Every structure is written in structure tokens, then in C-alpha cells.
Amino acid sequence: MERGPIFVAGPERSGTSLLFALLASHSQIAMTRRTNLWKHFYEQYGDLSDPANLDRCLDTVTRYKRLRVLHVDVAALRRDFVTGPCSYARLFALLEEQYAARLGRPRWGDKSLHTECWTEPILASYPGARILHMVRDPRDRYASSRTRWKLRRGGIGAGIAEWLTSARLAADHAARFPTRYRVVRYEDLVTEPERTVRAICQFVDEPFEAAMLAMEGAPRLLDQGSNSSYGRREAGVIATDSIGRYRAVLSDREIAFAQRVAGDEMLRFGYRLDALPMGPVARSRYALTTLPLERVRGGIWSTVEARRTQRGRPVPDYRLVDTEGFG
């Protein structure tokens, strides 16, 4: 099978930026980050063979902050696009190929959150595509999110609902597309980086390069000292100290909730459940307040996300700049 694009999927705070940095440091792979092409553009503008629809789509491309950093040559993109099938997947590929050509690399890839939601059209559109889905202990993922942003909207109920949605897709897609979809545990990546990266390279059909582990292909990420929620780290260091940090961040009741709601899926991915011997008062508060409240929060998150997906997810206005375009 041909070597197609490489996609990194998974929710925020799951290690997707780390995997991006590793892949971006391969001499044959040009990785883009947070383009959200499938989330914000796929089927959002109607039939792209209609010039008016294509104009609207490309206008957003020129104004979307997260694509401007790629310095897209929109005139060339339009010229190349109209000479072939007018599909969204082809438009995305042409855009990504521009960036890869500028780096002098033959293969492209993209890291955007929750790419797993578009697995079927991605695999159907790119016969040689591979998807790498990052999964992290949901307790640590939520603790990292809350530490980074101080206040996590929807509480742990929403955080666990988000993890469950992604984790279930990971298990389903890995079973349905075993040669094209691979789950990568964050914990494996940081504790055994070389072994895990070698396995990833074999999966995407690229030779392992030791330089990947230095992550010099992601200078912006390195300049910031990694993307950890727990402060700056030395550039190029793959640290393990975020594993189990949830115990210092979350309450016993929050941990109990996460394990009660996501326990089966946690065990499926190899995460052990903590023993939490709560006294009568704590147990009563958990049963009467934490459990029902966070279940409601999780249900609200799931309902809102389902509606947003059904309506479509155009680029938010705050992500657009007021310009007449470039390129």
C-alpha cells in the first residue's frame, strides 16, 4: 500500500504535541499542527466545484490564524485545485503538500485534536493514510487540563465524557482498521520513547531515525520548554513525571467518579484503578453530590457536542483576522 499522510488524533492534554514533535523531526515527514481542516472546513462550504463556494472556502483559509502560519500560496492552491476532482480531501492535501514541498520532504502529516471523529472519510480519501491516536490515563489528562487552565468548564464530568468518547472511538477504529489505525498510549511514549517510536515508524512505513528523539523539528515547541501543564522543561527532554500527577491535583471523590464512569475503558487500555477507602461522611458526599452532579455535567457536554457536530463547526470568529488575503 502507498505511503499516505499521517494523522495524529486524540483529545487535548493527551500527548499529541509530543508525538507531533517526534514525527516532525523525521527527515521525510512534514507535520502541520492544529490546522483543524477536517473539523472546520470539511463539507462546510457546499460543492467546491461551484466557484462561489470555493471562493468562500479559500477566503476563510486566508483569514484563519492557524493556517496563516503555513504561508499558503492561495493563488497556486486555487490553480491546482480546479484542474482535478473538487473534493475537500484533495484541497486539504494540496494545501499540506505546499508546506511539505517548502520543507523539501516527500510526505505530510497533521496533528489536530479529535481527528478521530473524521476517521472514515480520511481513510476513504487517502488510501495510504495512517492515523495515530494518543490515549492517556483520563485522571492524568483531566488533572493536566485543570492545572493548565485553572478552571475546567464542565468539571470532571465533562472531562471524563470527552475522554470516553475519544477512547471508545480509538478502540473501535483500531479494531476495524488494524493496518491503518494505531493507538499510542502516552505512558508508553514517555517511559519507553525509543521502543515506542520505532514501533510507530514501522507502522507508518518509515525508517526509524534517532534524531526524532531530540525533537529538533519542532523548534517552537522546544523554545517553550515542551507543552507540559506543570511548568517549563529542558528542551528535548521526554519526562515521565506527569504520570500519576492526578493524585496531587484531584480529590478522592473526583478520582472515584472517573473510575466509576470510565473504569471499564480504563482497564481496556491498561490503566489500574486506585483503591479509595473513603469514610462514611466522604462516601455520603460522593454518592449524594459528586456522582449525580458530575453525571449531569457529562451528559450536558455530550448533548452539546452532539448538537455542534450535527450543525457543523465553522471556524470561530475569534480565530479569523480581518484581511484581504495573501498569496
C-alpha atoms as a PDB file:
ATOM      1  CA  MET A   1       0.000   0.000   0.000  1.00  0.00           C
ATOM      2  CA  GLU A   2       1.227   3.522  -0.777  1.00  0.00           C
ATOM      3  CA  ARG A   3       2.592   5.700   1.981  1.00  0.00           C
ATOM      4  CA  GLY A   4      -0.037   8.360   2.504  1.00  0.00           C
ATOM      5  CA  PRO A   5      -0.406  11.155   5.046  1.00  0.00           C
ATOM      6  CA  ILE A   6      -0.026  10.626   8.781  1.00  0.00           C
ATOM      7  CA  PHE A   7      -2.629  11.977  11.190  1.00  0.00           C
ATOM      8  CA  VAL A   8      -2.241  12.385  14.946  1.00  0.00           C
ATOM      9  CA  ALA A   9      -5.580  12.163  16.761  1.00  0.00           C
ATOM     10  CA  GLY A  10      -6.838  12.359  20.325  1.00  0.00           C
ATOM     11  CA  PRO A  11      -8.147  14.915  22.843  1.00  0.00           C
ATOM     12  CA  GLU A  12      -6.204  17.779  24.380  1.00  0.00           C
ATOM     13  CA  ARG A  13      -3.581  17.041  27.047  1.00  0.00           C
ATOM     14  CA  SER A  14      -3.073  13.500  25.745  1.00  0.00           C
ATOM     15  CA  GLY A  15       0.458  13.872  24.398  1.00  0.00           C
ATOM     16  CA  THR A  16      -0.489  14.800  20.837  1.00  0.00           C
ATOM     17  CA  SER A  17       2.025  17.679  20.804  1.00  0.00           C
ATOM     18  CA  LEU A  18       4.805  15.346  21.920  1.00  0.00           C
ATOM     19  CA  LEU A  19       4.040  12.907  19.128  1.00  0.00           C
ATOM     20  CA  PHE A  20       3.844  15.813  16.681  1.00  0.00           C
ATOM     21  CA  ALA A  21       7.345  16.936  17.710  1.00  0.00           C
ATOM     22  CA  LEU A  22       8.746  13.436  17.256  1.00  0.00           C
ATOM     23  CA  LEU A  23       7.232  12.951  13.796  1.00  0.00           C
ATOM     24  CA  ALA A  24       8.105  16.490  12.687  1.00  0.00           C
ATOM     25  CA  SER A  25      11.743  15.631  13.403  1.00  0.00           C
ATOM     26  CA  HIS A  26      11.779  12.838  10.798  1.00  0.00           C
ATOM     27  CA  SER A  27      13.644  13.839   7.638  1.00  0.00           C
ATOM     28  CA  GLN A  28      10.889  12.508   5.374  1.00  0.00           C
ATOM     29  CA  ILE A  29       7.793  13.894   7.127  1.00  0.00           C
ATOM     30  CA  ALA A  30       6.415  17.451   7.161  1.00  0.00           C
ATOM     31  CA  MET A  31       3.969  17.805  10.044  1.00  0.00           C
ATOM     32  CA  THR A  32       1.453  20.609  10.465  1.00  0.00           C
ATOM     33  CA  ARG A  33      -0.216  21.365  13.768  1.00  0.00           C
ATOM     34  CA  ARG A  34      -3.721  22.448  14.753  1.00  0.00           C
ATOM     35  CA  THR A  35      -4.920  23.160  11.220  1.00  0.00           C
ATOM     36  CA  ASN A  36      -8.329  21.674  12.098  1.00  0.00           C
ATOM     37  CA  LEU A  37      -9.069  21.295   8.395  1.00  0.00           C
ATOM     38  CA  TRP A  38     -11.469  18.397   8.868  1.00  0.00           C
ATOM     39  CA  LYS A  39     -13.145  19.992  11.862  1.00  0.00           C
ATOM     40  CA  HIS A  40     -13.711  23.489  10.470  1.00  0.00           C
ATOM     41  CA  PHE A  41     -13.692  23.101   6.682  1.00  0.00           C
ATOM     42  CA  TYR A  42     -14.875  19.621   5.691  1.00  0.00           C
ATOM     43  CA  GLU A  43     -18.265  19.939   3.921  1.00  0.00           C
ATOM     44  CA  GLN A  44     -18.769  23.420   5.403  1.00  0.00           C
ATOM     45  CA  TYR A  45     -18.928  25.286   2.073  1.00  0.00           C
ATOM     46  CA  GLY A  46     -21.024  23.045  -0.137  1.00  0.00           C
ATOM     47  CA  ASP A  47     -19.883  21.731  -3.510  1.00  0.00           C
ATOM     48  CA  LEU A  48     -16.419  23.137  -4.160  1.00  0.00           C
ATOM     49  CA  SER A  49     -16.849  22.799  -7.923  1.00  0.00           C
ATOM     50  CA  ASP A  50     -19.033  25.884  -7.580  1.00  0.00           C
ATOM     51  CA  PRO A  51     -16.638  28.860  -7.851  1.00  0.00           C
ATOM     52  CA  ALA A  52     -18.633  30.868  -5.308  1.00  0.00           C
ATOM     53  CA  ASN A  53     -18.316  28.106  -2.706  1.00  0.00           C
ATOM     54  CA  LEU A  54     -14.610  27.710  -3.416  1.00  0.00           C
ATOM     55  CA  ASP A  55     -14.139  31.466  -3.048  1.00  0.00           C
ATOM     56  CA  ARG A  56     -15.818  31.434   0.373  1.00  0.00           C
ATOM     57  CA  CYS A  57     -13.716  28.496   1.493  1.00  0.00           C
ATOM     58  CA  LEU A  58     -10.421  29.995   0.329  1.00  0.00           C
ATOM     59  CA  ASP A  59     -11.304  33.343   1.854  1.00  0.00           C
ATOM     60  CA  THR A  60     -11.545  31.615   5.219  1.00  0.00           C
ATOM     61  CA  VAL A  61      -8.250  29.838   4.544  1.00  0.00           C
ATOM     62  CA  THR A  62      -6.563  33.232   4.083  1.00  0.00           C
ATOM     63  CA  ARG A  63      -8.052  34.607   7.301  1.00  0.00           C
ATOM     64  CA  TYR A  64      -7.754  31.605   9.611  1.00  0.00           C
ATOM     65  CA  LYS A  65      -4.924  32.333  12.045  1.00  0.00           C
ATOM     66  CA  ARG A  66      -3.837  28.719  12.328  1.00  0.00           C
ATOM     67  CA  LEU A  67      -3.359  28.413   8.565  1.00  0.00           C
ATOM     68  CA  ARG A  68      -1.681  31.782   8.078  1.00  0.00           C
ATOM     69  CA  VAL A  69       1.440  30.453   9.797  1.00  0.00           C
ATOM     70  CA  LEU A  70       1.811  27.987   6.888  1.00  0.00           C
ATOM     71  CA  HIS A  71       2.059  30.862   4.384  1.00  0.00           C
ATOM     72  CA  VAL A  72      -0.328  29.200   1.971  1.00  0.00           C
ATOM     73  CA  ASP A  73       0.004  30.295  -1.656  1.00  0.00           C
ATOM     74  CA  VAL A  74      -3.733  30.607  -2.223  1.00  0.00           C
ATOM     75  CA  ALA A  75      -3.416  31.522  -5.916  1.00  0.00           C
ATOM     76  CA  ALA A  76      -1.430  28.342  -6.576  1.00  0.00           C
ATOM     77  CA  LEU A  77      -3.807  26.352  -4.394  1.00  0.00           C
ATOM     78  CA  ARG A  78      -6.778  27.536  -6.446  1.00  0.00           C
ATOM     79  CA  ARG A  79      -4.986  26.926  -9.747  1.00  0.00           C
ATOM     80  CA  ASP A  80      -4.024  23.368  -8.839  1.00  0.00           C
ATOM     81  CA  PHE A  81      -7.385  22.552  -7.290  1.00  0.00           C
ATOM     82  CA  VAL A  82      -9.599  23.427 -10.268  1.00  0.00           C
ATOM     83  CA  THR A  83      -7.630  21.092 -12.570  1.00  0.00           C
ATOM     84  CA  GLY A  84      -8.820  17.952 -10.781  1.00  0.00           C
ATOM     85  CA  PRO A  85     -11.573  16.464  -8.599  1.00  0.00           C
ATOM     86  CA  CYS A  86     -13.089  19.186  -6.425  1.00  0.00           C
ATOM     87  CA  SER A  87     -13.180  17.311  -3.131  1.00  0.00           C
ATOM     88  CA  TYR A  88     -12.384  18.685   0.291  1.00  0.00           C
ATOM     89  CA  ALA A  89      -9.808  15.965   0.907  1.00  0.00           C
ATOM     90  CA  ARG A  90      -7.949  16.923  -2.260  1.00  0.00           C
ATOM     91  CA  LEU A  91      -7.990  20.602  -1.300  1.00  0.00           C
ATOM     92  CA  PHE A  92      -6.557  19.737   2.112  1.00  0.00           C
ATOM     93  CA  ALA A  93      -3.874  17.550   0.514  1.00  0.00           C
ATOM     94  CA  LEU A  94      -2.819  20.282  -1.908  1.00  0.00           C
ATOM     95  CA  LEU A  95      -2.514  22.743   0.965  1.00  0.00           C
ATOM     96  CA  GLU A  96      -0.447  20.310   3.024  1.00  0.00           C
ATOM     97  CA  GLU A  97       1.709  19.382   0.013  1.00  0.00           C
ATOM     98  CA  GLN A  98       2.656  23.032  -0.412  1.00  0.00           C
ATOM     99  CA  TYR A  99       4.065  23.065   3.095  1.00  0.00           C
ATOM    100  CA  ALA A 100       5.843  19.735   2.643  1.00  0.00           C
ATOM    101  CA  ALA A 101       7.427  20.919  -0.622  1.00  0.00           C
ATOM    102  CA  ARG A 102       8.687  24.064   1.095  1.00  0.00           C
ATOM    103  CA  LEU A 103      10.431  21.859   3.683  1.00  0.00           C
ATOM    104  CA  GLY A 104      11.721  19.534   0.982  1.00  0.00           C
ATOM    105  CA  ARG A 105      10.008  16.492   2.469  1.00  0.00           C
ATOM    106  CA  PRO A 106       8.035  13.941   0.445  1.00  0.00           C
ATOM    107  CA  ARG A 107       5.355  13.073   2.990  1.00  0.00           C
ATOM    108  CA  TRP A 108       2.955  15.203   5.004  1.00  0.00           C
ATOM    109  CA  GLY A 109       1.024  14.772   8.200  1.00  0.00           C
ATOM    110  CA  ASP A 110      -1.184  16.758  10.530  1.00  0.00           C
ATOM    111  CA  LYS A 111      -1.827  16.927  14.261  1.00  0.00           C
ATOM    112  CA  SER A 112      -5.270  18.298  15.076  1.00  0.00           C
ATOM    113  CA  LEU A 113      -7.342  17.455  18.139  1.00  0.00           C
ATOM    114  CA  HIS A 114     -10.144  14.919  17.763  1.00  0.00           C
ATOM    115  CA  THR A 115      -9.213  13.931  14.224  1.00  0.00           C
ATOM    116  CA  GLU A 116     -10.600  10.522  15.203  1.00  0.00           C
ATOM    117  CA  CYS A 117     -14.090  11.918  14.576  1.00  0.00           C
ATOM    118  CA  TRP A 118     -13.355  12.012  10.834  1.00  0.00           C
ATOM    119  CA  THR A 119     -11.620   8.639  10.546  1.00  0.00           C
ATOM    120  CA  GLU A 120     -13.883   7.142   7.903  1.00  0.00           C
ATOM    121  CA  PRO A 121     -13.729   9.992   5.350  1.00  0.00           C
ATOM    122  CA  ILE A 122      -9.985  10.380   5.956  1.00  0.00           C
ATOM    123  CA  LEU A 123      -9.202   6.716   5.323  1.00  0.00           C
ATOM    124  CA  ALA A 124     -11.559   6.631   2.337  1.00  0.00           C
ATOM    125  CA  SER A 125      -9.974   9.737   0.831  1.00  0.00           C
ATOM    126  CA  TYR A 126      -6.320   8.790   1.311  1.00  0.00           C
ATOM    127  CA  PRO A 127      -5.737   5.063   0.616  1.00  0.00           C
ATOM    128  CA  GLY A 128      -2.299   5.070   2.240  1.00  0.00           C
ATOM    129  CA  ALA A 129      -3.158   7.216   5.261  1.00  0.00           C
ATOM    130  CA  ARG A 130      -2.241   6.186   8.802  1.00  0.00           C
ATOM    131  CA  ILE A 131      -3.845   7.513  11.977  1.00  0.00           C
ATOM    132  CA  LEU A 132      -2.054   7.522  15.341  1.00  0.00           C
ATOM    133  CA  HIS A 133      -4.464   8.028  18.230  1.00  0.00           C
ATOM    134  CA  MET A 134      -2.998   9.239  21.520  1.00  0.00           C
ATOM    135  CA  VAL A 135      -4.628   7.896  24.699  1.00  0.00           C
ATOM    136  CA  ARG A 136      -3.703   8.970  28.223  1.00  0.00           C
ATOM    137  CA  ASP A 137      -4.950   7.977  31.686  1.00  0.00           C
ATOM    138  CA  PRO A 138      -8.162  10.046  31.970  1.00  0.00           C
ATOM    139  CA  ARG A 139      -7.343  11.066  35.536  1.00  0.00           C
ATOM    140  CA  ASP A 140      -3.981  12.499  34.482  1.00  0.00           C
ATOM    141  CA  ARG A 141      -5.456  14.042  31.354  1.00  0.00           C
ATOM    142  CA  TYR A 142      -8.096  15.905  33.343  1.00  0.00           C
ATOM    143  CA  ALA A 143      -5.602  16.923  36.038  1.00  0.00           C
ATOM    144  CA  SER A 144      -3.306  18.323  33.345  1.00  0.00           C
ATOM    145  CA  SER A 145      -6.152  20.228  31.728  1.00  0.00           C
ATOM    146  CA  ARG A 146      -7.296  21.740  35.004  1.00  0.00           C
ATOM    147  CA  THR A 147      -3.761  22.655  36.035  1.00  0.00           C
ATOM    148  CA  ARG A 148      -3.109  24.397  32.734  1.00  0.00           C
ATOM    149  CA  TRP A 149      -6.342  26.391  32.580  1.00  0.00           C
ATOM    150  CA  LYS A 150      -7.117  26.569  36.321  1.00  0.00           C
ATOM    151  CA  LEU A 151     -10.853  26.214  35.704  1.00  0.00           C
ATOM    152  CA  ARG A 152     -12.160  23.376  33.538  1.00  0.00           C
ATOM    153  CA  ARG A 153     -15.628  24.140  32.222  1.00  0.00           C
ATOM    154  CA  GLY A 154     -17.987  21.285  32.996  1.00  0.00           C
ATOM    155  CA  GLY A 155     -15.753  19.868  35.715  1.00  0.00           C
ATOM    156  CA  ILE A 156     -14.543  16.309  35.759  1.00  0.00           C
ATOM    157  CA  GLY A 157     -17.921  15.155  34.457  1.00  0.00           C
ATOM    158  CA  ALA A 158     -17.286  16.844  31.103  1.00  0.00           C
ATOM    159  CA  GLY A 159     -13.623  15.865  31.176  1.00  0.00           C
ATOM    160  CA  ILE A 160     -14.391  12.173  31.557  1.00  0.00           C
ATOM    161  CA  ALA A 161     -17.195  12.320  28.978  1.00  0.00           C
ATOM    162  CA  GLU A 162     -14.733  13.768  26.483  1.00  0.00           C
ATOM    163  CA  TRP A 163     -12.173  11.070  27.257  1.00  0.00           C
ATOM    164  CA  LEU A 164     -14.745   8.294  26.979  1.00  0.00           C
ATOM    165  CA  THR A 165     -15.945   9.499  23.588  1.00  0.00           C
ATOM    166  CA  SER A 166     -12.393   9.565  22.241  1.00  0.00           C
ATOM    167  CA  ALA A 167     -11.303   6.302  23.898  1.00  0.00           C
ATOM    168  CA  ARG A 168     -14.281   4.385  22.535  1.00  0.00           C
ATOM    169  CA  LEU A 169     -13.545   5.667  19.037  1.00  0.00           C
ATOM    170  CA  ALA A 170      -9.913   4.631  19.494  1.00  0.00           C
ATOM    171  CA  ALA A 171     -10.875   1.066  20.396  1.00  0.00           C
ATOM    172  CA  ASP A 172     -13.469   0.814  17.635  1.00  0.00           C
ATOM    173  CA  HIS A 173     -11.276   2.217  14.872  1.00  0.00           C
ATOM    174  CA  ALA A 174      -8.225   0.187  15.881  1.00  0.00           C
ATOM    175  CA  ALA A 175     -10.353  -2.969  15.637  1.00  0.00           C
ATOM    176  CA  ARG A 176     -11.931  -2.003  12.303  1.00  0.00           C
ATOM    177  CA  PHE A 177      -8.780  -0.681  10.615  1.00  0.00           C
ATOM    178  CA  PRO A 178      -5.897  -2.580  12.264  1.00  0.00           C
ATOM    179  CA  THR A 179      -3.358  -1.883   9.499  1.00  0.00           C
ATOM    180  CA  ARG A 180      -4.157   1.817   9.279  1.00  0.00           C
ATOM    181  CA  TYR A 181      -5.109   2.923  12.795  1.00  0.00           C
ATOM    182  CA  ARG A 182      -2.916   2.577  15.859  1.00  0.00           C
ATOM    183  CA  VAL A 183      -3.480   3.548  19.490  1.00  0.00           C
ATOM    184  CA  VAL A 184      -0.433   5.033  21.217  1.00  0.00           C
ATOM    185  CA  ARG A 185      -0.506   5.314  24.991  1.00  0.00           C
ATOM    186  CA  TYR A 186       1.080   8.475  26.350  1.00  0.00           C
ATOM    187  CA  GLU A 187       2.597   6.475  29.193  1.00  0.00           C
ATOM    188  CA  ASP A 188       4.359   4.117  26.779  1.00  0.00           C
ATOM    189  CA  LEU A 189       5.671   7.015  24.717  1.00  0.00           C
ATOM    190  CA  VAL A 190       7.294   8.787  27.668  1.00  0.00           C
ATOM    191  CA  THR A 191       8.574   5.745  29.574  1.00  0.00           C
ATOM    192  CA  GLU A 192       9.962   3.888  26.545  1.00  0.00           C
ATOM    193  CA  PRO A 193      10.319   6.546  23.845  1.00  0.00           C
ATOM    194  CA  GLU A 194      12.757   4.780  21.539  1.00  0.00           C
ATOM    195  CA  ARG A 195      10.914   1.461  21.569  1.00  0.00           C
ATOM    196  CA  THR A 196       7.555   3.185  21.039  1.00  0.00           C
ATOM    197  CA  VAL A 197       8.813   5.488  18.293  1.00  0.00           C
ATOM    198  CA  ARG A 198      10.430   2.543  16.499  1.00  0.00           C
ATOM    199  CA  ALA A 199       7.065   0.765  16.529  1.00  0.00           C
ATOM    200  CA  ILE A 200       5.350   3.910  15.237  1.00  0.00           C
ATOM    201  CA  CYS A 201       7.862   4.232  12.408  1.00  0.00           C
ATOM    202  CA  GLN A 202       7.280   0.622  11.433  1.00  0.00           C
ATOM    203  CA  PHE A 203       3.521   1.241  11.437  1.00  0.00           C
ATOM    204  CA  VAL A 204       3.761   4.291   9.162  1.00  0.00           C
ATOM    205  CA  ASP A 205       6.382   2.557   6.979  1.00  0.00           C
ATOM    206  CA  GLU A 206       9.265   4.914   7.608  1.00  0.00           C
ATOM    207  CA  PRO A 207      12.741   4.046   8.907  1.00  0.00           C
ATOM    208  CA  PHE A 208      13.432   4.998  12.500  1.00  0.00           C
ATOM    209  CA  GLU A 209      15.737   7.997  12.859  1.00  0.00           C
ATOM    210  CA  ALA A 210      17.469   8.592  16.175  1.00  0.00           C
ATOM    211  CA  ALA A 211      17.238  12.352  15.559  1.00  0.00           C
ATOM    212  CA  MET A 212      13.494  12.110  16.138  1.00  0.00           C
ATOM    213  CA  LEU A 213      14.079  11.733  19.863  1.00  0.00           C
ATOM    214  CA  ALA A 214      15.786  15.144  20.015  1.00  0.00           C
ATOM    215  CA  MET A 215      12.612  16.723  18.572  1.00  0.00           C
ATOM    216  CA  GLU A 216      14.512  19.473  16.763  1.00  0.00           C
ATOM    217  CA  GLY A 217      11.839  19.500  14.066  1.00  0.00           C
ATOM    218  CA  ALA A 218       9.546  21.378  16.446  1.00  0.00           C
ATOM    219  CA  PRO A 219      11.661  24.397  17.446  1.00  0.00           C
ATOM    220  CA  ARG A 220       8.714  26.470  18.610  1.00  0.00           C
ATOM    221  CA  LEU A 221       7.650  23.731  20.987  1.00  0.00           C
ATOM    222  CA  LEU A 222      11.206  23.288  22.212  1.00  0.00           C
ATOM    223  CA  ASP A 223      11.679  27.013  22.776  1.00  0.00           C
ATOM    224  CA  GLN A 224       8.727  26.924  25.143  1.00  0.00           C
ATOM    225  CA  GLY A 225      10.218  24.017  27.075  1.00  0.00           C
ATOM    226  CA  SER A 226       7.667  21.420  25.960  1.00  0.00           C
ATOM    227  CA  ASN A 227       3.903  21.666  26.242  1.00  0.00           C
ATOM    228  CA  SER A 228       3.575  20.440  29.819  1.00  0.00           C
ATOM    229  CA  SER A 229       0.926  21.819  32.158  1.00  0.00           C
ATOM    230  CA  TYR A 230       3.384  21.561  35.046  1.00  0.00           C
ATOM    231  CA  GLY A 231       5.926  24.183  34.039  1.00  0.00           C
ATOM    232  CA  ARG A 232       8.901  24.512  31.719  1.00  0.00           C
ATOM    233  CA  ARG A 233      11.145  21.587  30.961  1.00  0.00           C
ATOM    234  CA  GLU A 234      14.539  21.326  29.382  1.00  0.00           C
ATOM    235  CA  ALA A 235      14.302  21.320  25.596  1.00  0.00           C
ATOM    236  CA  GLY A 236      14.297  17.873  24.040  1.00  0.00           C
ATOM    237  CA  VAL A 237      13.616  16.023  27.303  1.00  0.00           C
ATOM    238  CA  ILE A 238      10.850  13.420  27.361  1.00  0.00           C
ATOM    239  CA  ALA A 239       9.804  13.383  31.000  1.00  0.00           C
ATOM    240  CA  THR A 240       7.788  10.830  32.961  1.00  0.00           C
ATOM    241  CA  ASP A 241       6.942  12.985  35.984  1.00  0.00           C
ATOM    242  CA  SER A 242       3.426  13.772  34.731  1.00  0.00           C
ATOM    243  CA  ILE A 243       2.365  10.155  35.183  1.00  0.00           C
ATOM    244  CA  GLY A 244       0.237   9.788  38.298  1.00  0.00           C
ATOM    245  CA  ARG A 245       0.232  13.552  38.968  1.00  0.00           C
ATOM    246  CA  TYR A 246      -3.534  13.404  39.309  1.00  0.00           C
ATOM    247  CA  ARG A 247      -3.180  12.150  42.876  1.00  0.00           C
ATOM    248  CA  ALA A 248      -1.824  15.558  43.903  1.00  0.00           C
ATOM    249  CA  VAL A 249      -4.401  17.504  41.887  1.00  0.00           C
ATOM    250  CA  LEU A 250      -7.730  15.687  42.160  1.00  0.00           C
ATOM    251  CA  SER A 251      -9.797  14.887  45.226  1.00  0.00           C
ATOM    252  CA  ASP A 252     -10.627  11.313  46.169  1.00  0.00           C
ATOM    253  CA  ARG A 253     -14.211  11.968  45.132  1.00  0.00           C
ATOM    254  CA  GLU A 254     -13.120  13.128  41.672  1.00  0.00           C
ATOM    255  CA  ILE A 255     -10.882  10.098  41.253  1.00  0.00           C
ATOM    256  CA  ALA A 256     -13.720   7.839  42.411  1.00  0.00           C
ATOM    257  CA  PHE A 257     -16.037   9.422  39.847  1.00  0.00           C
ATOM    258  CA  ALA A 258     -13.571   8.961  37.000  1.00  0.00           C
ATOM    259  CA  GLN A 259     -13.075   5.308  37.897  1.00  0.00           C
ATOM    260  CA  ARG A 260     -16.785   4.656  38.355  1.00  0.00           C
ATOM    261  CA  VAL A 261     -17.752   6.097  34.971  1.00  0.00           C
ATOM    262  CA  ALA A 262     -14.719   5.182  32.865  1.00  0.00           C
ATOM    263  CA  GLY A 263     -13.408   2.150  34.744  1.00  0.00           C
ATOM    264  CA  ASP A 264     -14.122  -0.453  32.067  1.00  0.00           C
ATOM    265  CA  GLU A 265     -12.433   1.579  29.346  1.00  0.00           C
ATOM    266  CA  MET A 266      -9.521   2.416  31.635  1.00  0.00           C
ATOM    267  CA  LEU A 267      -8.884  -1.273  32.227  1.00  0.00           C
ATOM    268  CA  ARG A 268      -9.157  -1.946  28.494  1.00  0.00           C
ATOM    269  CA  PHE A 269      -6.266   0.447  27.892  1.00  0.00           C
ATOM    270  CA  GLY A 270      -4.211  -0.899  30.781  1.00  0.00           C
ATOM    271  CA  TYR A 271      -4.874   1.745  33.453  1.00  0.00           C
ATOM    272  CA  ARG A 272      -5.136   0.474  37.017  1.00  0.00           C
ATOM    273  CA  LEU A 273      -7.878   1.667  39.335  1.00  0.00           C
ATOM    274  CA  ASP A 274      -6.896   3.141  42.688  1.00  0.00           C
ATOM    275  CA  ALA A 275      -8.261   1.799  45.954  1.00  0.00           C
ATOM    276  CA  LEU A 276     -10.018   4.719  47.649  1.00  0.00           C
ATOM    277  CA  PRO A 277     -11.041   3.875  51.217  1.00  0.00           C
ATOM    278  CA  MET A 278     -13.418   6.745  51.970  1.00  0.00           C
ATOM    279  CA  GLY A 279     -15.003   7.187  55.355  1.00  0.00           C
ATOM    280  CA  PRO A 280     -18.791   7.341  55.869  1.00  0.00           C
ATOM    281  CA  VAL A 281     -19.007  11.126  55.502  1.00  0.00           C
ATOM    282  CA  ALA A 282     -16.875  11.271  52.365  1.00  0.00           C
ATOM    283  CA  ARG A 283     -18.733   8.316  50.877  1.00  0.00           C
ATOM    284  CA  SER A 284     -22.063  10.007  51.559  1.00  0.00           C
ATOM    285  CA  ARG A 285     -20.931  13.282  49.964  1.00  0.00           C
ATOM    286  CA  TYR A 286     -19.668  11.384  46.941  1.00  0.00           C
ATOM    287  CA  ALA A 287     -22.929   9.479  46.491  1.00  0.00           C
ATOM    288  CA  LEU A 288     -25.219  12.473  47.098  1.00  0.00           C
ATOM    289  CA  THR A 289     -23.293  15.277  45.382  1.00  0.00           C
ATOM    290  CA  THR A 290     -20.251  14.360  43.284  1.00  0.00           C
ATOM    291  CA  LEU A 291     -21.672  11.371  41.436  1.00  0.00           C
ATOM    292  CA  PRO A 292     -25.055  12.828  40.367  1.00  0.00           C
ATOM    293  CA  LEU A 293     -23.686  16.334  39.685  1.00  0.00           C
ATOM    294  CA  GLU A 294     -20.803  15.160  37.507  1.00  0.00           C
ATOM    295  CA  ARG A 295     -23.024  12.700  35.647  1.00  0.00           C
ATOM    296  CA  VAL A 296     -25.278  15.624  34.719  1.00  0.00           C
ATOM    297  CA  ARG A 297     -22.292  17.687  33.634  1.00  0.00           C
ATOM    298  CA  GLY A 298     -21.051  14.832  31.486  1.00  0.00           C
ATOM    299  CA  GLY A 299     -24.480  14.415  29.931  1.00  0.00           C
ATOM    300  CA  ILE A 300     -24.680  18.120  29.126  1.00  0.00           C
ATOM    301  CA  TRP A 301     -21.242  18.015  27.493  1.00  0.00           C
ATOM    302  CA  SER A 302     -22.227  15.026  25.358  1.00  0.00           C
ATOM    303  CA  THR A 303     -25.508  16.641  24.277  1.00  0.00           C
ATOM    304  CA  VAL A 304     -23.890  19.960  23.381  1.00  0.00           C
ATOM    305  CA  GLU A 305     -21.081  18.287  21.448  1.00  0.00           C
ATOM    306  CA  ALA A 306     -23.529  16.121  19.515  1.00  0.00           C
ATOM    307  CA  ARG A 307     -25.525  19.192  18.503  1.00  0.00           C
ATOM    308  CA  ARG A 308     -22.408  21.083  17.471  1.00  0.00           C
ATOM    309  CA  THR A 309     -21.263  18.164  15.342  1.00  0.00           C
ATOM    310  CA  GLN A 310     -24.676  17.902  13.684  1.00  0.00           C
ATOM    311  CA  ARG A 311     -24.761  21.640  12.896  1.00  0.00           C
ATOM    312  CA  GLY A 312     -21.150  21.797  11.765  1.00  0.00           C
ATOM    313  CA  ARG A 313     -18.163  23.534  13.302  1.00  0.00           C
ATOM    314  CA  PRO A 314     -17.141  26.576  11.251  1.00  0.00           C
ATOM    315  CA  VAL A 315     -14.013  28.494  12.188  1.00  0.00           C
ATOM    316  CA  PRO A 316     -14.831  30.687  15.233  1.00  0.00           C
ATOM    317  CA  ASP A 317     -14.769  34.416  14.537  1.00  0.00           C
ATOM    318  CA  TYR A 318     -12.044  34.997  17.108  1.00  0.00           C
ATOM    319  CA  ARG A 319      -9.769  32.712  15.072  1.00  0.00           C
ATOM    320  CA  LEU A 320     -10.122  34.874  11.957  1.00  0.00           C
ATOM    321  CA  VAL A 321      -8.230  38.017  11.027  1.00  0.00           C
ATOM    322  CA  ASP A 322      -9.640  40.885   9.017  1.00  0.00           C
ATOM    323  CA  THR A 323      -7.588  40.882   5.828  1.00  0.00           C
ATOM    324  CA  GLU A 324      -7.987  40.855   2.092  1.00  0.00           C
ATOM    325  CA  GLY A 325      -5.883  37.722   1.904  1.00  0.00           C
ATOM    326  CA  PHE A 326      -2.367  36.785   0.982  1.00  0.00           C
ATOM    327  CA  GLY A 327      -0.607  34.625  -1.584  1.00  0.00           C
END
